[in-house]
Protein backbone atom coordinates (compact mmCIF):
# COMPACT_ATOMS: atom_id res chain seq x y z
CA UNK A 1 357.43 186.97 -9.13
CA UNK A 2 355.21 189.17 -7.29
CA UNK A 3 351.50 189.59 -7.76
CA UNK A 4 349.70 192.62 -7.84
CA UNK A 5 347.84 193.23 -4.42
CA UNK A 6 344.29 192.31 -4.65
CA UNK A 7 344.73 190.00 -7.81
CA UNK A 8 343.35 186.99 -6.09
CA UNK A 9 340.23 188.94 -5.14
CA UNK A 10 339.89 190.03 -8.61
CA UNK A 11 340.08 186.65 -10.09
CA UNK A 12 337.67 185.34 -7.54
CA UNK A 13 335.27 188.12 -8.24
CA UNK A 14 335.30 187.35 -11.95
CA UNK A 15 334.54 183.64 -11.38
CA UNK A 16 331.75 184.59 -8.94
CA UNK A 17 330.12 187.03 -11.46
CA UNK A 18 330.45 184.76 -14.37
CA UNK A 19 329.05 181.89 -12.26
CA UNK A 20 326.06 184.00 -10.98
CA UNK A 21 325.22 185.20 -14.59
CA UNK A 22 325.27 181.64 -15.73
CA UNK A 23 323.04 180.46 -12.91
CA UNK A 24 320.47 183.18 -13.44
CA UNK A 25 320.49 182.55 -17.13
CA UNK A 26 319.88 178.87 -16.43
CA UNK A 27 317.12 179.76 -14.24
CA UNK A 28 315.50 181.83 -16.88
CA UNK A 29 315.63 179.02 -19.35
CA UNK A 30 314.20 176.51 -16.92
CA UNK A 31 311.38 178.80 -16.16
CA UNK A 32 310.62 179.13 -19.87
CA UNK A 33 310.24 175.32 -20.12
CA UNK A 34 306.64 174.23 -19.89
CA UNK A 35 305.86 171.58 -17.17
CA UNK A 36 304.68 168.20 -18.12
CA UNK A 37 301.43 168.35 -20.14
CA UNK A 38 299.62 166.67 -17.31
CA UNK A 39 300.02 169.66 -15.25
CA UNK A 40 298.03 172.72 -15.43
CA UNK A 41 298.64 175.97 -13.77
CA UNK A 42 296.46 177.73 -11.28
CA UNK A 43 296.25 180.08 -8.39
CA UNK A 44 295.19 179.58 -4.86
CA UNK A 45 291.86 181.52 -4.10
CA UNK A 46 291.44 182.56 -0.54
CA UNK A 47 293.27 181.94 2.74
CA UNK A 48 291.59 178.55 3.76
CA UNK A 49 294.90 176.76 3.15
CA UNK A 50 297.24 179.28 4.99
CA UNK A 51 300.04 179.08 5.65
CA UNK A 52 300.62 176.23 3.14
CA UNK A 53 299.12 178.34 0.29
CA UNK A 54 298.23 182.02 0.39
CA UNK A 55 295.70 183.83 -1.77
CA UNK A 56 297.06 184.36 -5.28
CA UNK A 57 299.95 181.89 -4.93
CA UNK A 58 300.64 180.13 -8.14
CA UNK A 59 299.90 176.24 -7.86
CA UNK A 60 300.17 173.16 -10.26
CA UNK A 61 297.29 170.87 -10.67
CA UNK A 62 297.34 167.25 -11.90
CA UNK A 63 294.21 165.24 -12.78
CA UNK A 64 293.78 162.28 -10.35
CA UNK A 65 291.33 159.52 -10.21
CA UNK A 66 289.38 159.01 -7.02
CA UNK A 67 291.18 155.77 -6.06
CA UNK A 68 294.63 157.62 -6.16
CA UNK A 69 293.78 160.15 -3.57
CA UNK A 70 295.44 159.68 -0.14
CA UNK A 71 295.61 161.21 3.17
CA UNK A 72 297.56 164.35 3.38
CA UNK A 73 296.91 165.15 -0.36
CA UNK A 74 295.80 168.76 -1.27
CA UNK A 75 292.84 168.46 -3.77
CA UNK A 76 290.64 170.68 -5.71
CA UNK A 77 286.96 169.85 -5.56
CA UNK A 78 283.54 171.36 -5.19
CA UNK A 79 282.30 171.45 -1.57
CA UNK A 80 278.88 172.15 -0.09
CA UNK A 81 280.25 174.76 2.20
CA UNK A 82 281.60 177.22 -0.48
CA UNK A 83 279.93 179.13 -3.18
CA UNK A 84 282.91 178.79 -5.42
CA UNK A 85 283.01 176.36 -8.24
CA UNK A 86 285.92 174.43 -6.70
CA UNK A 87 287.95 174.79 -3.51
CA UNK A 88 291.38 173.60 -2.21
CA UNK A 89 291.31 171.40 0.85
CA UNK A 90 293.47 168.76 2.55
CA UNK A 91 292.53 165.10 2.62
CA UNK A 92 292.41 164.12 6.43
CA UNK A 93 290.65 160.90 6.34
CA UNK A 94 289.46 158.56 3.49
CA UNK A 95 286.54 155.95 3.40
CA UNK A 96 286.61 153.56 6.31
CA UNK A 97 288.64 155.89 8.64
CA UNK A 98 287.33 157.27 11.96
CA UNK A 99 288.53 160.85 12.53
CA UNK A 100 287.64 162.68 15.82
CA UNK A 101 288.61 165.58 17.99
CA UNK A 102 288.01 166.86 21.50
CA UNK A 103 289.17 170.36 22.42
CA UNK A 104 288.73 169.52 26.20
CA UNK A 105 291.56 166.85 26.35
CA UNK A 106 295.13 166.65 25.00
CA UNK A 107 296.75 163.73 23.20
CA UNK A 108 300.42 163.25 23.24
CA UNK A 109 300.76 166.43 25.08
CA UNK A 110 299.13 168.68 22.76
CA UNK A 111 295.75 169.06 20.88
CA UNK A 112 295.65 166.98 18.07
CA UNK A 113 293.26 165.20 15.83
CA UNK A 114 292.95 161.38 16.38
CA UNK A 115 292.79 159.28 13.22
CA UNK A 116 291.95 155.72 13.73
CA UNK A 117 292.89 155.87 17.47
CA UNK A 118 296.36 157.35 16.84
CA UNK A 119 297.23 161.21 17.18
CA UNK A 120 297.68 162.70 13.73
CA UNK A 121 300.75 164.57 13.01
CA UNK A 122 300.16 167.83 11.12
CA UNK A 123 303.47 169.69 10.75
CA UNK A 124 301.82 172.05 8.10
CA UNK A 125 299.59 173.69 10.78
CA UNK A 126 301.09 176.79 12.41
CA UNK A 127 302.13 175.79 15.85
CA UNK A 128 299.81 178.21 17.80
CA UNK A 129 296.80 177.23 16.04
CA UNK A 130 294.38 174.35 17.23
CA UNK A 131 293.62 171.47 14.86
CA UNK A 132 289.90 172.36 14.81
CA UNK A 133 287.51 175.03 16.19
CA UNK A 134 285.08 172.26 17.08
CA UNK A 135 284.61 168.97 18.41
CA UNK A 136 283.65 165.95 15.98
CA UNK A 137 283.66 162.27 15.71
CA UNK A 138 283.11 161.02 12.28
CA UNK A 139 283.33 157.52 10.67
CA UNK A 140 284.06 158.30 6.88
CA UNK A 141 281.85 156.39 4.56
CA UNK A 142 283.30 154.33 1.81
CA UNK A 143 283.90 156.39 -1.33
CA UNK A 144 284.09 159.69 0.61
CA UNK A 145 286.77 162.19 1.86
CA UNK A 146 287.21 164.07 5.01
CA UNK A 147 288.38 167.53 4.02
CA UNK A 148 289.79 170.39 6.10
CA UNK A 149 291.60 173.53 5.28
CA UNK A 150 295.28 174.21 6.82
CA UNK A 151 293.87 177.51 8.26
CA UNK A 152 291.65 175.72 10.72
CA UNK A 153 290.29 178.70 12.86
CA UNK A 154 289.30 180.57 9.70
CA UNK A 155 288.09 177.94 7.39
CA UNK A 156 285.12 175.74 6.84
CA UNK A 157 285.29 171.88 6.22
CA UNK A 158 284.01 168.54 6.87
CA UNK A 159 284.44 168.84 10.62
CA UNK A 160 281.27 170.86 10.84
CA UNK A 161 278.16 168.61 11.15
CA UNK A 162 276.26 170.67 8.40
CA UNK A 163 279.10 169.82 5.92
CA UNK A 164 280.35 166.41 6.50
CA UNK A 165 282.67 164.24 4.20
CA UNK A 166 282.69 164.87 0.41
CA UNK A 167 282.33 162.17 -2.24
CA UNK A 168 285.81 161.19 -3.70
CA UNK A 169 284.60 161.13 -7.23
CA UNK A 170 284.07 164.98 -7.15
CA UNK A 171 287.80 165.66 -6.90
CA UNK A 172 288.86 167.60 -9.79
CA UNK A 173 292.59 167.58 -9.39
CA UNK A 174 295.49 167.21 -6.86
CA UNK A 175 297.78 170.20 -6.05
CA UNK A 176 301.23 169.07 -6.70
CA UNK A 177 304.67 170.52 -6.58
CA UNK A 178 306.46 171.11 -9.87
CA UNK A 179 310.10 170.48 -8.94
CA UNK A 180 311.36 173.07 -11.63
CA UNK A 181 309.22 175.69 -9.89
CA UNK A 182 311.10 175.29 -6.63
CA UNK A 183 314.38 174.90 -8.38
CA UNK A 184 313.75 178.22 -10.14
CA UNK A 185 313.25 180.06 -6.92
CA UNK A 186 316.37 178.65 -5.14
CA UNK A 187 318.51 179.40 -8.48
CA UNK A 188 317.30 182.91 -8.51
CA UNK A 189 318.43 183.28 -4.87
CA UNK A 190 321.78 181.62 -5.44
CA UNK A 191 322.38 183.57 -8.53
CA UNK A 192 321.64 186.74 -6.85
CA UNK A 193 323.98 185.97 -4.04
CA UNK A 194 326.79 185.05 -6.32
CA UNK A 195 326.39 188.29 -8.04
CA UNK A 196 326.52 190.29 -4.86
CA UNK A 197 329.60 188.54 -3.56
CA UNK A 198 331.24 188.94 -6.82
CA UNK A 199 330.58 192.65 -6.85
CA UNK A 200 331.87 193.12 -3.34
CA UNK A 201 335.31 191.10 -4.11
CA UNK A 202 335.67 193.15 -7.25
CA UNK A 203 335.39 196.45 -5.09
CA UNK A 204 337.90 195.03 -2.63
CA UNK A 205 340.33 194.18 -5.37
CA UNK A 206 340.16 197.58 -6.94
CA UNK A 207 340.58 199.15 -3.47
CA UNK A 208 343.61 197.16 -2.89
CA UNK A 209 345.03 198.06 -6.23
CA UNK A 210 344.69 201.70 -5.63
CA UNK A 211 346.11 201.37 -2.25
CA UNK A 212 349.29 199.45 -3.60
CA UNK A 213 349.79 202.05 -6.36
CA UNK A 214 349.66 205.06 -3.83
CA UNK A 215 352.05 203.22 -1.56
CA UNK A 216 354.44 202.70 -4.37
CA UNK A 217 354.23 206.16 -5.92
CA UNK A 218 354.94 207.94 -2.50
CA UNK A 219 358.81 207.16 -1.84
CA UNK A 220 359.47 207.89 -5.63
CA UNK A 221 358.10 211.29 -5.42
CA UNK A 222 359.99 212.03 -2.21
CA UNK A 223 363.38 210.99 -3.71
CA UNK A 224 362.69 212.94 -6.88
CA UNK A 225 362.07 216.01 -4.85
CA UNK A 226 365.29 215.60 -2.97
CA UNK A 227 367.33 215.34 -6.22
CA UNK A 228 366.15 218.62 -7.78
CA UNK A 229 368.59 221.45 -7.28
CA UNK A 230 367.14 224.52 -5.66
CA UNK A 231 368.35 227.90 -7.10
CA UNK A 232 369.09 230.51 -4.45
CA UNK A 233 370.12 234.14 -5.34
CA UNK A 234 373.58 235.03 -3.81
CA UNK A 235 374.67 238.75 -3.55
CA UNK A 236 378.29 239.08 -4.93
CA UNK A 237 380.10 242.28 -3.85
CA UNK A 238 381.81 244.34 -6.89
CA UNK A 239 385.36 243.00 -7.38
CA UNK A 240 388.65 245.01 -8.06
CA UNK A 241 388.71 246.62 -11.36
CA UNK A 242 384.94 246.70 -11.68
CA UNK A 243 383.10 249.98 -11.64
CA UNK A 244 380.58 250.40 -9.13
CA UNK A 245 377.65 252.51 -10.12
CA UNK A 246 377.48 255.56 -7.98
CA UNK A 247 374.66 258.04 -7.95
CA UNK A 248 375.54 261.50 -9.14
């Protein structure tokens, strides 16, 4: 039993198209599901947290008590260096920590902040940026937080002497990652790719089918043309006993 050329591609195309549609439908449903009630939605304002968060980017906020804030957390709180009601910043050090930076020297082969005598790893910073525009050496008081923006060369923060650490009890919320939000983004990408792949396979299957039909019809047409008799006019001379018309 022979299969039509391109049939396998056609079946695969249908599977991919159905799967892609199902993924996109699932993403649509997932996005419609509200996040847990403890989360509230907001948008980043300004560029002080770039490249981690850019201006206008959607964020999720979770209420947090002062004792539950840790180094590396991104928090929302009023700060003395901003006229805005609240601002996003990263917690670099907490009460009791010593945080310092000297632009004239390198630590572990590169410019880095030093937290409690150890170089601070900050993968969220863009590689070409320095960790601070100014030198500082601060012992954070108990009950305070040392806050900095990720966009170090274009943001204010606790590193400046006229700012300093911020009371921990002023933290309003912590910026969190809602898993369903990231899942929705990846789901949309995966669903789109499946639909594109299915469409390409469907096109290839259709072309293969057309080519097969054209190849099958070619020899049959030639045989049919050879079997049809061709009428050729033949001149027959007048036979005996027949009268030839003679012009008078």
